[in-house]
PDB file of N, CA and C in Angstrom:
ATOM      1  N   MET A   1       7.856  15.415 -17.257  1.00  0.00           N
ATOM      2  CA  MET A   1       7.924  16.199 -16.041  1.00  0.00           C
ATOM      3  C   MET A   1       8.325  15.287 -14.878  1.00  0.00           C
ATOM      4  N   ALA A   2       9.349  15.656 -14.157  1.00  0.00           N
ATOM      5  CA  ALA A   2       9.829  14.864 -13.023  1.00  0.00           C
ATOM      6  C   ALA A   2       8.943  15.103 -11.805  1.00  0.00           C
ATOM      7  N   LEU A   3       8.660  14.029 -11.097  1.00  0.00           N
ATOM      8  CA  LEU A   3       7.840  14.134  -9.897  1.00  0.00           C
ATOM      9  C   LEU A   3       8.730  14.396  -8.690  1.00  0.00           C
ATOM     10  N   LYS A   4       8.183  15.126  -7.712  1.00  0.00           N
ATOM     11  CA  LYS A   4       8.904  15.375  -6.472  1.00  0.00           C
ATOM     12  C   LYS A   4       9.040  14.066  -5.699  1.00  0.00           C
ATOM     13  N   LYS A   5      10.067  13.997  -4.866  1.00  0.00           N
ATOM     14  CA  LYS A   5      10.298  12.804  -4.058  1.00  0.00           C
ATOM     15  C   LYS A   5       9.093  12.508  -3.165  1.00  0.00           C
ATOM     16  N   SER A   6       8.487  13.551  -2.603  1.00  0.00           N
ATOM     17  CA  SER A   6       7.330  13.347  -1.727  1.00  0.00           C
ATOM     18  C   SER A   6       6.142  12.796  -2.508  1.00  0.00           C
ATOM     19  N   THR A   7       5.992  13.212  -3.762  1.00  0.00           N
ATOM     20  CA  THR A   7       4.905  12.700  -4.595  1.00  0.00           C
ATOM     21  C   THR A   7       5.136  11.228  -4.907  1.00  0.00           C
ATOM     22  N   LYS A   8       6.365  10.871  -5.232  1.00  0.00           N
ATOM     23  CA  LYS A   8       6.684   9.469  -5.506  1.00  0.00           C
ATOM     24  C   LYS A   8       6.424   8.615  -4.267  1.00  0.00           C
ATOM     25  N   TRP A   9       6.830   9.122  -3.108  1.00  0.00           N
ATOM     26  CA  TRP A   9       6.631   8.396  -1.855  1.00  0.00           C
ATOM     27  C   TRP A   9       5.143   8.203  -1.580  1.00  0.00           C
ATOM     28  N   SER A  10       4.354   9.233  -1.791  1.00  0.00           N
ATOM     29  CA  SER A  10       2.910   9.132  -1.577  1.00  0.00           C
ATOM     30  C   SER A  10       2.286   8.116  -2.523  1.00  0.00           C
ATOM     31  N   MET A  11       2.741   8.117  -3.770  1.00  0.00           N
ATOM     32  CA  MET A  11       2.220   7.155  -4.738  1.00  0.00           C
ATOM     33  C   MET A  11       2.591   5.727  -4.330  1.00  0.00           C
ATOM     34  N   LEU A  12       3.797   5.531  -3.850  1.00  0.00           N
ATOM     35  CA  LEU A  12       4.233   4.215  -3.403  1.00  0.00           C
ATOM     36  C   LEU A  12       3.378   3.740  -2.227  1.00  0.00           C
ATOM     37  N   MET A  13       3.182   4.602  -1.258  1.00  0.00           N
ATOM     38  CA  MET A  13       2.393   4.234  -0.081  1.00  0.00           C
ATOM     39  C   MET A  13       0.950   3.928  -0.475  1.00  0.00           C
ATOM     40  N   GLY A  14       0.387   4.758  -1.338  1.00  0.00           N
ATOM     41  CA  GLY A  14      -0.975   4.509  -1.811  1.00  0.00           C
ATOM     42  C   GLY A  14      -1.074   3.164  -2.511  1.00  0.00           C
ATOM     43  N   GLY A  15      -0.069   2.848  -3.315  1.00  0.00           N
ATOM     44  CA  GLY A  15      -0.047   1.559  -4.007  1.00  0.00           C
ATOM     45  C   GLY A  15       0.048   0.389  -3.048  1.00  0.00           C
ATOM     46  N   LEU A  16       0.888   0.517  -2.039  1.00  0.00           N
ATOM     47  CA  LEU A  16       1.019  -0.548  -1.044  1.00  0.00           C
ATOM     48  C   LEU A  16      -0.300  -0.799  -0.320  1.00  0.00           C
ATOM     49  N   ILE A  17      -0.920   0.271   0.095  1.00  0.00           N
ATOM     50  CA  ILE A  17      -2.198   0.141   0.799  1.00  0.00           C
ATOM     51  C   ILE A  17      -3.257  -0.445  -0.123  1.00  0.00           C
ATOM     52  N   MET A  18      -3.294   0.030  -1.367  1.00  0.00           N
ATOM     53  CA  MET A  18      -4.287  -0.454  -2.328  1.00  0.00           C
ATOM     54  C   MET A  18      -4.137  -1.962  -2.545  1.00  0.00           C
ATOM     55  N   PHE A  19      -2.900  -2.424  -2.734  1.00  0.00           N
ATOM     56  CA  PHE A  19      -2.694  -3.854  -2.927  1.00  0.00           C
ATOM     57  C   PHE A  19      -3.094  -4.638  -1.686  1.00  0.00           C
ATOM     58  N   GLY A  20      -2.871  -4.071  -0.526  1.00  0.00           N
ATOM     59  CA  GLY A  20      -3.288  -4.735   0.703  1.00  0.00           C
ATOM     60  C   GLY A  20      -4.795  -4.894   0.781  1.00  0.00           C
ATOM     61  N   PHE A  21      -5.517  -3.828   0.466  1.00  0.00           N
ATOM     62  CA  PHE A  21      -6.976  -3.898   0.482  1.00  0.00           C
ATOM     63  C   PHE A  21      -7.497  -4.835  -0.602  1.00  0.00           C
ATOM     64  N   LEU A  22      -6.909  -4.777  -1.792  1.00  0.00           N
ATOM     65  CA  LEU A  22      -7.334  -5.677  -2.862  1.00  0.00           C
ATOM     66  C   LEU A  22      -7.085  -7.130  -2.477  1.00  0.00           C
ATOM     67  N   GLY A  23      -5.957  -7.392  -1.863  1.00  0.00           N
ATOM     68  CA  GLY A  23      -5.670  -8.752  -1.417  1.00  0.00           C
ATOM     69  C   GLY A  23      -6.683  -9.241  -0.398  1.00  0.00           C
ATOM     70  N   THR A  24      -7.103  -8.348   0.477  1.00  0.00           N
ATOM     71  CA  THR A  24      -8.108  -8.709   1.472  1.00  0.00           C
ATOM     72  C   THR A  24      -9.461  -8.947   0.815  1.00  0.00           C
ATOM     73  N   LEU A  25      -9.848  -8.061  -0.096  1.00  0.00           N
ATOM     74  CA  LEU A  25     -11.146  -8.184  -0.756  1.00  0.00           C
ATOM     75  C   LEU A  25     -11.219  -9.378  -1.701  1.00  0.00           C
ATOM     76  N   LEU A  26     -10.132  -9.655  -2.397  1.00  0.00           N
ATOM     77  CA  LEU A  26     -10.124 -10.722  -3.389  1.00  0.00           C
ATOM     78  C   LEU A  26      -9.526 -12.016  -2.852  1.00  0.00           C
ATOM     79  N   GLY A  27      -9.389 -12.111  -1.555  1.00  0.00           N
ATOM     80  CA  GLY A  27      -8.810 -13.304  -0.941  1.00  0.00           C
ATOM     81  C   GLY A  27      -9.670 -14.530  -1.190  1.00  0.00           C
ATOM     82  N   ASN A  28      -9.298 -15.616  -0.550  1.00  0.00           N
ATOM     83  CA  ASN A  28      -9.995 -16.881  -0.786  1.00  0.00           C
ATOM     84  C   ASN A  28     -11.331 -16.981  -0.058  1.00  0.00           C
ATOM     85  N   GLY A  29     -11.712 -15.976   0.689  1.00  0.00           N
ATOM     86  CA  GLY A  29     -13.003 -15.983   1.373  1.00  0.00           C
ATOM     87  C   GLY A  29     -12.978 -16.701   2.712  1.00  0.00           C
ATOM     88  N   ASP A  30     -11.823 -17.098   3.175  1.00  0.00           N
ATOM     89  CA  ASP A  30     -11.690 -17.790   4.446  1.00  0.00           C
ATOM     90  C   ASP A  30     -11.812 -16.769   5.572  1.00  0.00           C
ATOM     91  N   ASP A  31     -12.938 -16.808   6.297  1.00  0.00           N
ATOM     92  CA  ASP A  31     -13.193 -15.816   7.342  1.00  0.00           C
ATOM     93  C   ASP A  31     -12.182 -15.889   8.484  1.00  0.00           C
ATOM     94  N   GLU A  32     -11.584 -17.056   8.714  1.00  0.00           N
ATOM     95  CA  GLU A  32     -10.618 -17.180   9.800  1.00  0.00           C
ATOM     96  C   GLU A  32      -9.353 -16.382   9.522  1.00  0.00           C
ATOM     97  N   LYS A  33      -9.054 -16.104   8.259  1.00  0.00           N
ATOM     98  CA  LYS A  33      -7.850 -15.367   7.905  1.00  0.00           C
ATOM     99  C   LYS A  33      -8.114 -13.872   7.745  1.00  0.00           C
ATOM    100  N   ALA A  34      -9.348 -13.455   7.861  1.00  0.00           N
ATOM    101  CA  ALA A  34      -9.679 -12.038   7.706  1.00  0.00           C
ATOM    102  C   ALA A  34      -9.114 -11.248   8.888  1.00  0.00           C
ATOM    103  N   LEU A  35      -8.688 -10.021   8.619  1.00  0.00           N
ATOM    104  CA  LEU A  35      -8.179  -9.163   9.688  1.00  0.00           C
ATOM    105  C   LEU A  35      -9.308  -8.762  10.621  1.00  0.00           C
ATOM    106  N   LYS A  36      -8.961  -8.700  11.874  1.00  0.00           N
ATOM    107  CA  LYS A  36      -9.922  -8.267  12.887  1.00  0.00           C
ATOM    108  C   LYS A  36      -9.335  -7.066  13.616  1.00  0.00           C
ATOM    109  N   LEU A  37     -10.176  -6.304  14.261  1.00  0.00           N
ATOM    110  CA  LEU A  37      -9.744  -5.139  15.005  1.00  0.00           C
ATOM    111  C   LEU A  37      -8.661  -5.537  16.006  1.00  0.00           C
ATOM    112  N   GLY A  38      -7.538  -4.840  15.960  1.00  0.00           N
ATOM    113  CA  GLY A  38      -6.438  -5.116  16.866  1.00  0.00           C
ATOM    114  C   GLY A  38      -5.367  -6.036  16.293  1.00  0.00           C
ATOM    115  N   ASP A  39      -5.631  -6.646  15.127  1.00  0.00           N
ATOM    116  CA  ASP A  39      -4.616  -7.487  14.478  1.00  0.00           C
ATOM    117  C   ASP A  39      -3.444  -6.628  14.034  1.00  0.00           C
ATOM    118  N   GLY A  40      -2.288  -7.252  13.907  1.00  0.00           N
ATOM    119  CA  GLY A  40      -1.103  -6.550  13.423  1.00  0.00           C
ATOM    120  C   GLY A  40      -1.206  -6.246  11.933  1.00  0.00           C
ATOM    121  N   ILE A  41      -0.269  -5.452  11.462  1.00  0.00           N
ATOM    122  CA  ILE A  41      -0.235  -5.097  10.045  1.00  0.00           C
ATOM    123  C   ILE A  41       0.185  -6.325   9.247  1.00  0.00           C
ATOM    124  N   PRO A  42      -0.552  -6.654   8.178  1.00  0.00           N
ATOM    125  CA  PRO A  42      -0.181  -7.826   7.377  1.00  0.00           C
ATOM    126  C   PRO A  42       1.171  -7.636   6.695  1.00  0.00           C
ATOM    127  N   LYS A  43       1.874  -8.734   6.479  1.00  0.00           N
ATOM    128  CA  LYS A  43       3.192  -8.689   5.834  1.00  0.00           C
ATOM    129  C   LYS A  43       3.006  -8.611   4.321  1.00  0.00           C
ATOM    130  N   ILE A  44       2.812  -7.404   3.848  1.00  0.00           N
ATOM    131  CA  ILE A  44       2.637  -7.148   2.424  1.00  0.00           C
ATOM    132  C   ILE A  44       3.911  -6.503   1.916  1.00  0.00           C
ATOM    133  N   SER A  45       4.478  -7.076   0.861  1.00  0.00           N
ATOM    134  CA  SER A  45       5.674  -6.474   0.280  1.00  0.00           C
ATOM    135  C   SER A  45       5.459  -6.281  -1.213  1.00  0.00           C
ATOM    136  N   LEU A  46       5.975  -5.179  -1.710  1.00  0.00           N
ATOM    137  CA  LEU A  46       5.870  -4.856  -3.127  1.00  0.00           C
ATOM    138  C   LEU A  46       7.183  -4.290  -3.620  1.00  0.00           C
ATOM    139  N   LYS A  47       7.494  -4.594  -4.863  1.00  0.00           N
ATOM    140  CA  LYS A  47       8.680  -4.019  -5.486  1.00  0.00           C
ATOM    141  C   LYS A  47       8.265  -2.714  -6.146  1.00  0.00           C
ATOM    142  N   ALA A  48       8.958  -1.644  -5.801  1.00  0.00           N
ATOM    143  CA  ALA A  48       8.628  -0.312  -6.310  1.00  0.00           C
ATOM    144  C   ALA A  48       9.368  -0.028  -7.610  1.00  0.00           C
ATOM    145  N   SER A  49       9.013   1.066  -8.234  1.00  0.00           N
ATOM    146  CA  SER A  49       9.635   1.451  -9.499  1.00  0.00           C
ATOM    147  C   SER A  49      11.114   1.797  -9.333  1.00  0.00           C
ATOM    148  N   ASP A  50      11.552   2.064  -8.105  1.00  0.00           N
ATOM    149  CA  ASP A  50      12.975   2.340  -7.874  1.00  0.00           C
ATOM    150  C   ASP A  50      13.787   1.056  -7.693  1.00  0.00           C
ATOM    151  N   GLY A  51      13.128  -0.097  -7.825  1.00  0.00           N
ATOM    152  CA  GLY A  51      13.800  -1.384  -7.721  1.00  0.00           C
ATOM    153  C   GLY A  51      13.863  -1.948  -6.315  1.00  0.00           C
ATOM    154  N   LYS A  52      13.493  -1.154  -5.325  1.00  0.00           N
ATOM    155  CA  LYS A  52      13.531  -1.609  -3.933  1.00  0.00           C
ATOM    156  C   LYS A  52      12.236  -2.343  -3.599  1.00  0.00           C
ATOM    157  N   THR A  53      12.325  -3.271  -2.648  1.00  0.00           N
ATOM    158  CA  THR A  53      11.144  -3.955  -2.149  1.00  0.00           C
ATOM    159  C   THR A  53      10.802  -3.365  -0.789  1.00  0.00           C
ATOM    160  N   TYR A  54       9.558  -2.981  -0.616  1.00  0.00           N
ATOM    161  CA  TYR A  54       9.099  -2.365   0.627  1.00  0.00           C
ATOM    162  C   TYR A  54       8.134  -3.313   1.329  1.00  0.00           C
ATOM    163  N   LEU A  55       8.304  -3.440   2.649  1.00  0.00           N
ATOM    164  CA  LEU A  55       7.445  -4.275   3.473  1.00  0.00           C
ATOM    165  C   LEU A  55       6.622  -3.351   4.372  1.00  0.00           C
ATOM    166  N   LEU A  56       5.322  -3.472   4.293  1.00  0.00           N
ATOM    167  CA  LEU A  56       4.424  -2.566   5.007  1.00  0.00           C
ATOM    168  C   LEU A  56       4.693  -2.506   6.515  1.00  0.00           C
ATOM    169  N   PRO A  57       4.869  -3.633   7.227  1.00  0.00           N
ATOM    170  CA  PRO A  57       5.144  -3.526   8.671  1.00  0.00           C
ATOM    171  C   PRO A  57       6.428  -2.760   8.988  1.00  0.00           C
ATOM    172  N   GLU A  58       7.457  -2.893   8.136  1.00  0.00           N
ATOM    173  CA  GLU A  58       8.708  -2.168   8.382  1.00  0.00           C
ATOM    174  C   GLU A  58       8.504  -0.661   8.253  1.00  0.00           C
ATOM    175  N   ILE A  59       7.690  -0.255   7.302  1.00  0.00           N
ATOM    176  CA  ILE A  59       7.401   1.171   7.130  1.00  0.00           C
ATOM    177  C   ILE A  59       6.662   1.696   8.358  1.00  0.00           C
ATOM    178  N   ALA A  60       5.714   0.917   8.853  1.00  0.00           N
ATOM    179  CA  ALA A  60       4.938   1.338  10.022  1.00  0.00           C
ATOM    180  C   ALA A  60       5.814   1.416  11.270  1.00  0.00           C
ATOM    181  N   GLU A  61       6.776   0.490  11.411  1.00  0.00           N
ATOM    182  CA  GLU A  61       7.664   0.501  12.579  1.00  0.00           C
ATOM    183  C   GLU A  61       8.533   1.754  12.623  1.00  0.00           C
ATOM    184  N   LYS A  62       8.888   2.280  11.461  1.00  0.00           N
ATOM    185  CA  LYS A  62       9.704   3.491  11.400  1.00  0.00           C
ATOM    186  C   LYS A  62       8.922   4.707  11.879  1.00  0.00           C
ATOM    187  N   GLY A  63       7.609   4.597  11.902  1.00  0.00           N
ATOM    188  CA  GLY A  63       6.783   5.722  12.306  1.00  0.00           C
ATOM    189  C   GLY A  63       6.478   6.676  11.171  1.00  0.00           C
ATOM    190  N   ASP A  64       6.782   6.252   9.941  1.00  0.00           N
ATOM    191  CA  ASP A  64       6.459   7.095   8.790  1.00  0.00           C
ATOM    192  C   ASP A  64       4.943   7.189   8.641  1.00  0.00           C
ATOM    193  N   ALA A  65       4.492   8.335   8.208  1.00  0.00           N
ATOM    194  CA  ALA A  65       3.060   8.542   8.014  1.00  0.00           C
ATOM    195  C   ALA A  65       2.603   7.843   6.739  1.00  0.00           C
ATOM    196  N   LEU A  66       1.423   7.276   6.783  1.00  0.00           N
ATOM    197  CA  LEU A  66       0.815   6.664   5.606  1.00  0.00           C
ATOM    198  C   LEU A  66      -0.426   7.459   5.246  1.00  0.00           C
ATOM    199  N   ILE A  67      -0.509   7.856   4.010  1.00  0.00           N
ATOM    200  CA  ILE A  67      -1.683   8.576   3.528  1.00  0.00           C
ATOM    201  C   ILE A  67      -2.387   7.676   2.534  1.00  0.00           C
ATOM    202  N   ILE A  68      -3.644   7.405   2.802  1.00  0.00           N
ATOM    203  CA  ILE A  68      -4.421   6.555   1.912  1.00  0.00           C
ATOM    204  C   ILE A  68      -5.354   7.450   1.108  1.00  0.00           C
ATOM    205  N   ALA A  69      -5.201   7.398  -0.194  1.00  0.00           N
ATOM    206  CA  ALA A  69      -6.049   8.199  -1.076  1.00  0.00           C
ATOM    207  C   ALA A  69      -6.441   7.350  -2.272  1.00  0.00           C
ATOM    208  N   TRP A  70      -7.668   7.466  -2.689  1.00  0.00           N
ATOM    209  CA  TRP A  70      -8.143   6.737  -3.860  1.00  0.00           C
ATOM    210  C   TRP A  70      -8.538   7.758  -4.909  1.00  0.00           C
ATOM    211  N   ILE A  71      -7.707   7.863  -5.928  1.00  0.00           N
ATOM    212  CA  ILE A  71      -7.963   8.786  -7.033  1.00  0.00           C
ATOM    213  C   ILE A  71      -7.796   7.972  -8.309  1.00  0.00           C
ATOM    214  N   PRO A  72      -8.852   7.297  -8.769  1.00  0.00           N
ATOM    215  CA  PRO A  72      -8.708   6.344  -9.864  1.00  0.00           C
ATOM    216  C   PRO A  72      -8.266   6.923 -11.203  1.00  0.00           C
ATOM    217  N   LYS A  73      -8.484   8.181 -11.461  1.00  0.00           N
ATOM    218  CA  LYS A  73      -8.134   8.726 -12.776  1.00  0.00           C
ATOM    219  C   LYS A  73      -6.824   9.502 -12.783  1.00  0.00           C
ATOM    220  N   THR A  74      -6.061   9.428 -11.709  1.00  0.00           N
ATOM    221  CA  THR A  74      -4.787  10.124 -11.668  1.00  0.00           C
ATOM    222  C   THR A  74      -3.822   9.507 -12.665  1.00  0.00           C
ATOM    223  N   PHE A  75      -3.140  10.349 -13.411  1.00  0.00           N
ATOM    224  CA  PHE A  75      -2.141   9.937 -14.395  1.00  0.00           C
ATOM    225  C   PHE A  75      -2.707   9.019 -15.474  1.00  0.00           C
ATOM    226  N   THR A  76      -3.986   9.153 -15.773  1.00  0.00           N
ATOM    227  CA  THR A  76      -4.592   8.395 -16.864  1.00  0.00           C
ATOM    228  C   THR A  76      -5.287   9.371 -17.805  1.00  0.00           C
ATOM    229  N   PRO A  77      -5.462   8.985 -19.060  1.00  0.00           N
ATOM    230  CA  PRO A  77      -6.114   9.894 -19.998  1.00  0.00           C
ATOM    231  C   PRO A  77      -7.620  10.005 -19.798  1.00  0.00           C
ATOM    232  N   GLY A  78      -8.239   9.100 -19.018  1.00  0.00           N
ATOM    233  CA  GLY A  78      -9.691   9.060 -18.909  1.00  0.00           C
ATOM    234  C   GLY A  78     -10.300   9.968 -17.920  1.00  0.00           C
TER     235      GLY A  78
END
């Protein structure tokens, strides 16, 4: 079954955000590098299934909406 373009986009954005949070949580523990209120968007880039590389700050500059959703069992048999 083919997914709609909007569904693919939402999955990509969710993945980008998830990797950003995981990187923050699993970082080296250096408190000086932790994000603080008012800090800019971290330069997180990921290669998507369409072969393109997306950079989180560039997406935010365009004004595109980001939807953060955590649904751990989506598209899994469990």
